[in-house]
Amino acid sequence: MRIKTLILALILTLLAASVLAECPEAREPGADYVWQIRREEPVAESWFADAWLMGDSITESLANVDAIPELNIEIKIGQSPQGAVHNRDYVVDGQYYSMAEYVISRQPAKLLVMLGSNGLDHSPRLQVQESYHELLDMLLAALPDTELYLVSVTPITPQATQRYPKLTMPAIKYFNQEMAWLAEEHGVHYVDVYTPLLNESKTQIDERYCTGDGIHLTRAGAMKVAEAIRLQVGEE
């Protein structure tokens, strides 16, 4: 009887481990992020000559201040991971494309994806994660030879959460952790721009780096993101 009980306990333990590995709802973030600088020196500007970035209004600040001059930045205000896949609002030669389809058509050698804030502001986190999974699957299938980087969602202030109750620091942290897991599982790169933007107490974005809405980046914030990206792309 005792042997049967031990065998049953072992089976239940293995099943529980399987659920934790496969079910995003069951995976909890571990300790706080440790920012992994992959390079001792920022990558050369020439690295970005054949690189593209898919982003929303947060990444717009990178373009506005020309933070990474060589980088091709494809921006759509309000873009979410779901919208990047399904909203066909790009018109080229009379044909309609989604942002993902358009970027795929450019066949970039390197691609940075910086999406997620839009989505987390109004939808459940798990729903946004599912749409991000769909986007990543689409990019991996269509761009097998592209060097792919998943860029974290940036931190916010409490004022931002007052305006968008679903957009909270815990939700962003969980989402970024899921993004890091996805990157590891699929053999692509994760770029942490969340940690470098935090204030000294690591509770929110440093107010030097965000505008009055607590979400979008100032010039200093955009330059900080650019610096973080340059230290985490390319060969180690």
Protein backbone atom coordinates (compact mmCIF):
# COMPACT_ATOMS: atom_id res chain seq x y z
CA MET A 1 0.00 0.00 0.00
CA ARG A 2 2.81 2.37 0.89
CA ILE A 3 4.54 1.72 -2.45
CA LYS A 4 1.32 2.49 -4.32
CA THR A 5 0.95 5.71 -2.33
CA LEU A 6 4.51 6.75 -3.17
CA ILE A 7 4.01 5.98 -6.86
CA LEU A 8 0.77 8.01 -6.90
CA ALA A 9 2.52 10.92 -5.17
CA LEU A 10 5.32 10.80 -7.77
CA ILE A 11 2.83 10.81 -10.65
CA LEU A 12 0.98 13.80 -9.16
CA THR A 13 4.27 15.67 -8.70
CA LEU A 14 5.25 15.06 -12.32
CA LEU A 15 1.82 16.20 -13.52
CA ALA A 16 2.05 19.37 -11.45
CA ALA A 17 5.49 20.12 -12.87
CA SER A 18 4.13 19.64 -16.39
CA VAL A 19 1.30 22.09 -15.73
CA LEU A 20 3.70 24.68 -14.34
CA ALA A 21 5.90 24.35 -17.41
CA GLU A 22 3.09 24.57 -19.95
CA CYS A 23 0.51 26.87 -18.38
CA PRO A 24 1.36 30.61 -18.32
CA GLU A 25 -1.21 31.20 -15.57
CA ALA A 26 0.76 28.93 -13.24
CA ARG A 27 4.19 30.44 -13.87
CA GLU A 28 5.16 33.03 -11.33
CA PRO A 29 8.01 35.53 -11.67
CA GLY A 30 11.04 34.75 -9.58
CA ALA A 31 13.39 37.28 -8.05
CA ASP A 32 13.72 40.80 -9.38
CA TYR A 33 15.40 41.19 -12.73
CA VAL A 34 19.16 41.18 -12.88
CA TRP A 35 20.02 43.32 -15.88
CA GLN A 36 22.24 41.21 -18.11
CA ILE A 37 24.66 43.39 -20.07
CA ARG A 38 25.77 41.18 -22.95
CA ARG A 39 28.53 43.49 -24.16
CA GLU A 40 31.31 45.50 -22.55
CA GLU A 41 30.96 48.25 -25.16
CA PRO A 42 27.86 49.42 -27.07
CA VAL A 43 27.42 47.79 -30.46
CA ALA A 44 28.58 49.89 -33.41
CA GLU A 45 26.04 52.08 -35.19
CA SER A 46 26.61 50.07 -38.38
CA TRP A 47 25.01 47.02 -36.68
CA PHE A 48 21.60 48.68 -37.06
CA ALA A 49 21.88 49.34 -40.80
CA ASP A 50 19.92 46.17 -41.63
CA ALA A 51 17.81 46.15 -38.44
CA TRP A 52 14.14 47.04 -37.96
CA LEU A 53 12.11 47.80 -34.86
CA MET A 54 8.34 47.24 -34.56
CA GLY A 55 6.84 49.58 -32.00
CA ASP A 56 4.13 51.89 -30.71
CA SER A 57 4.07 55.46 -29.41
CA ILE A 58 6.64 54.64 -26.71
CA THR A 59 9.18 53.73 -29.37
CA GLU A 60 8.20 56.85 -31.29
CA SER A 61 10.42 58.80 -28.91
CA LEU A 62 13.44 56.86 -30.20
CA ALA A 63 12.68 58.10 -33.69
CA ASN A 64 11.88 61.66 -32.60
CA VAL A 65 15.26 62.18 -30.95
CA ASP A 66 17.14 60.03 -33.48
CA ALA A 67 18.45 57.90 -30.62
CA ILE A 68 19.64 55.11 -32.95
CA PRO A 69 20.08 56.85 -36.32
CA GLU A 70 20.72 53.74 -38.42
CA LEU A 71 17.74 51.76 -37.06
CA ASN A 72 14.63 51.43 -39.25
CA ILE A 73 11.71 52.08 -36.87
CA GLU A 74 8.18 51.08 -37.87
CA ILE A 75 5.74 52.85 -35.54
CA LYS A 76 1.99 52.84 -35.13
CA ILE A 77 0.45 54.76 -32.26
CA GLY A 78 -1.76 52.50 -30.16
CA GLN A 79 -0.30 49.33 -31.68
CA SER A 80 -0.73 46.14 -29.65
CA PRO A 81 0.65 42.64 -30.30
CA GLN A 82 -2.80 41.58 -31.51
CA GLY A 83 -3.10 44.60 -33.77
CA ALA A 84 0.34 43.97 -35.24
CA VAL A 85 -0.92 40.60 -36.48
CA HIS A 86 -4.53 41.30 -37.44
CA ASN A 87 -5.04 45.00 -38.25
CA ARG A 88 -4.31 45.43 -41.95
CA ASP A 89 -3.88 49.18 -42.11
CA TYR A 90 -0.68 49.37 -44.18
CA VAL A 91 -1.30 49.97 -47.88
CA VAL A 92 1.45 49.13 -50.39
CA ASP A 93 0.67 49.10 -54.12
CA GLY A 94 -3.02 48.79 -53.35
CA GLN A 95 -2.53 45.81 -51.04
CA TYR A 96 -3.36 45.88 -47.33
CA TYR A 97 -0.93 44.51 -44.77
CA SER A 98 -0.69 44.27 -41.01
CA MET A 99 2.40 45.71 -39.34
CA ALA A 100 3.84 42.22 -38.97
CA GLU A 101 3.16 41.38 -42.61
CA TYR A 102 4.71 44.65 -43.75
CA VAL A 103 7.87 44.19 -41.69
CA ILE A 104 8.14 40.59 -42.85
CA SER A 105 7.99 41.84 -46.45
CA ARG A 106 11.10 43.93 -45.75
CA GLN A 107 13.02 40.73 -44.84
CA PRO A 108 15.10 42.36 -42.10
CA ALA A 109 18.35 40.70 -41.08
CA LYS A 110 17.64 41.78 -37.50
CA LEU A 111 14.31 42.61 -35.88
CA LEU A 112 13.49 44.15 -32.52
CA VAL A 113 9.89 43.86 -31.27
CA MET A 114 8.89 46.42 -28.64
CA LEU A 115 5.15 45.98 -28.10
CA GLY A 116 2.85 45.20 -25.18
CA SER A 117 2.03 48.42 -23.35
CA ASN A 118 -0.95 48.84 -25.63
CA GLY A 119 -2.97 45.81 -24.76
CA LEU A 120 -1.98 45.68 -21.11
CA ASP A 121 -3.71 49.04 -20.70
CA HIS A 122 -7.16 47.59 -21.44
CA SER A 123 -7.00 43.77 -21.68
CA PRO A 124 -6.23 40.95 -19.22
CA ARG A 125 -2.52 40.17 -19.11
CA LEU A 126 -2.97 36.54 -20.17
CA GLN A 127 -4.93 37.63 -23.23
CA VAL A 128 -2.13 40.00 -24.25
CA GLN A 129 0.40 37.20 -23.67
CA GLU A 130 -1.55 34.93 -26.02
CA SER A 131 -1.54 37.56 -28.75
CA TYR A 132 2.20 38.08 -28.23
CA HIS A 133 2.71 34.33 -28.61
CA GLU A 134 0.79 34.50 -31.91
CA LEU A 135 2.93 37.38 -33.13
CA LEU A 136 6.16 35.60 -32.22
CA ASP A 137 5.05 32.38 -33.94
CA MET A 138 4.22 34.36 -37.09
CA LEU A 139 7.60 36.11 -37.13
CA LEU A 140 9.56 32.92 -36.48
CA ALA A 141 7.75 31.07 -39.27
CA ALA A 142 8.19 33.84 -41.82
CA LEU A 143 11.69 35.02 -40.84
CA PRO A 144 13.67 31.89 -39.92
CA ASP A 145 17.03 33.54 -40.67
CA THR A 146 16.32 36.84 -38.93
CA GLU A 147 18.10 37.68 -35.68
CA LEU A 148 15.13 38.35 -33.40
CA TYR A 149 15.05 40.42 -30.20
CA LEU A 150 12.08 40.77 -27.82
CA VAL A 151 12.31 44.13 -26.06
CA SER A 152 10.68 44.50 -22.65
CA VAL A 153 7.78 46.79 -21.82
CA THR A 154 8.93 49.95 -20.04
CA PRO A 155 7.94 50.77 -16.43
CA ILE A 156 5.37 53.42 -15.54
CA THR A 157 4.30 55.73 -12.69
CA PRO A 158 1.23 55.40 -10.42
CA GLN A 159 -0.35 58.27 -12.37
CA ALA A 160 -0.41 56.05 -15.44
CA THR A 161 -2.24 53.34 -13.52
CA GLN A 162 -4.82 55.86 -12.36
CA ARG A 163 -5.59 56.54 -16.00
CA TYR A 164 -5.36 52.89 -17.11
CA PRO A 165 -6.22 50.64 -14.11
CA LYS A 166 -5.14 47.44 -15.89
CA LEU A 167 -1.71 48.88 -16.67
CA THR A 168 0.15 48.26 -13.41
CA MET A 169 3.76 47.66 -12.49
CA PRO A 170 3.04 44.04 -11.42
CA ALA A 171 1.27 43.36 -14.74
CA ILE A 172 4.23 44.78 -16.67
CA LYS A 173 6.72 42.78 -14.61
CA TYR A 174 4.79 39.54 -15.15
CA PHE A 175 4.49 40.26 -18.88
CA ASN A 176 8.21 40.94 -19.19
CA GLN A 177 8.99 37.72 -17.34
CA GLU A 178 6.78 35.82 -19.79
CA MET A 179 8.60 37.53 -22.66
CA ALA A 180 11.96 36.44 -21.23
CA TRP A 181 10.66 32.85 -20.94
CA LEU A 182 9.41 32.97 -24.52
CA ALA A 183 12.75 34.21 -25.77
CA GLU A 184 14.57 31.40 -23.97
CA GLU A 185 12.13 28.74 -25.18
CA HIS A 186 12.36 29.84 -28.81
CA GLY A 187 16.08 30.52 -28.92
CA VAL A 188 15.76 34.25 -29.52
CA HIS A 189 17.08 37.22 -27.53
CA TYR A 190 15.45 39.18 -24.71
CA VAL A 191 16.38 42.84 -24.26
CA ASP A 192 15.68 44.37 -20.85
CA VAL A 193 14.99 48.10 -21.06
CA TYR A 194 12.69 47.89 -18.01
CA THR A 195 15.42 47.69 -15.37
CA PRO A 196 17.60 50.60 -16.61
CA LEU A 197 14.58 52.94 -16.47
CA LEU A 198 13.61 52.17 -12.86
CA ASN A 199 13.97 54.70 -10.08
CA GLU A 200 16.33 54.13 -7.15
CA SER A 201 13.73 52.20 -5.13
CA LYS A 202 12.84 50.09 -8.21
CA THR A 203 9.13 50.79 -7.72
CA GLN A 204 8.41 52.78 -10.89
CA ILE A 205 10.03 54.51 -13.83
CA ASP A 206 12.46 57.25 -12.87
CA GLU A 207 10.52 60.44 -13.48
CA ARG A 208 13.47 61.90 -15.39
CA TYR A 209 12.75 59.33 -18.07
CA CYS A 210 9.00 59.79 -18.55
CA THR A 211 6.65 62.54 -19.58
CA GLY A 212 3.80 63.82 -17.42
CA ASP A 213 1.51 60.92 -18.37
CA GLY A 214 3.86 58.46 -16.64
CA ILE A 215 4.12 56.25 -19.73
CA HIS A 216 5.88 57.90 -22.65
CA LEU A 217 9.57 58.64 -22.69
CA THR A 218 11.40 61.94 -22.47
CA ARG A 219 14.53 62.53 -24.51
CA ALA A 220 16.58 61.25 -21.57
CA GLY A 221 14.37 58.14 -21.38
CA ALA A 222 14.72 57.46 -25.10
CA MET A 223 18.49 57.79 -24.89
CA LYS A 224 18.56 55.44 -21.90
CA VAL A 225 16.56 52.85 -23.86
CA ALA A 226 18.91 53.25 -26.82
CA GLU A 227 21.91 52.73 -24.55
CA ALA A 228 20.35 49.58 -23.05
CA ILE A 229 19.61 48.18 -26.50
CA ARG A 230 23.16 48.83 -27.72
CA LEU A 231 24.53 46.86 -24.76
CA GLN A 232 22.28 43.85 -25.32
CA VAL A 233 22.34 43.20 -29.08
CA GLY A 234 24.92 41.70 -31.37
CA GLU A 235 27.65 39.24 -30.49
CA GLU A 236 28.66 39.07 -26.84
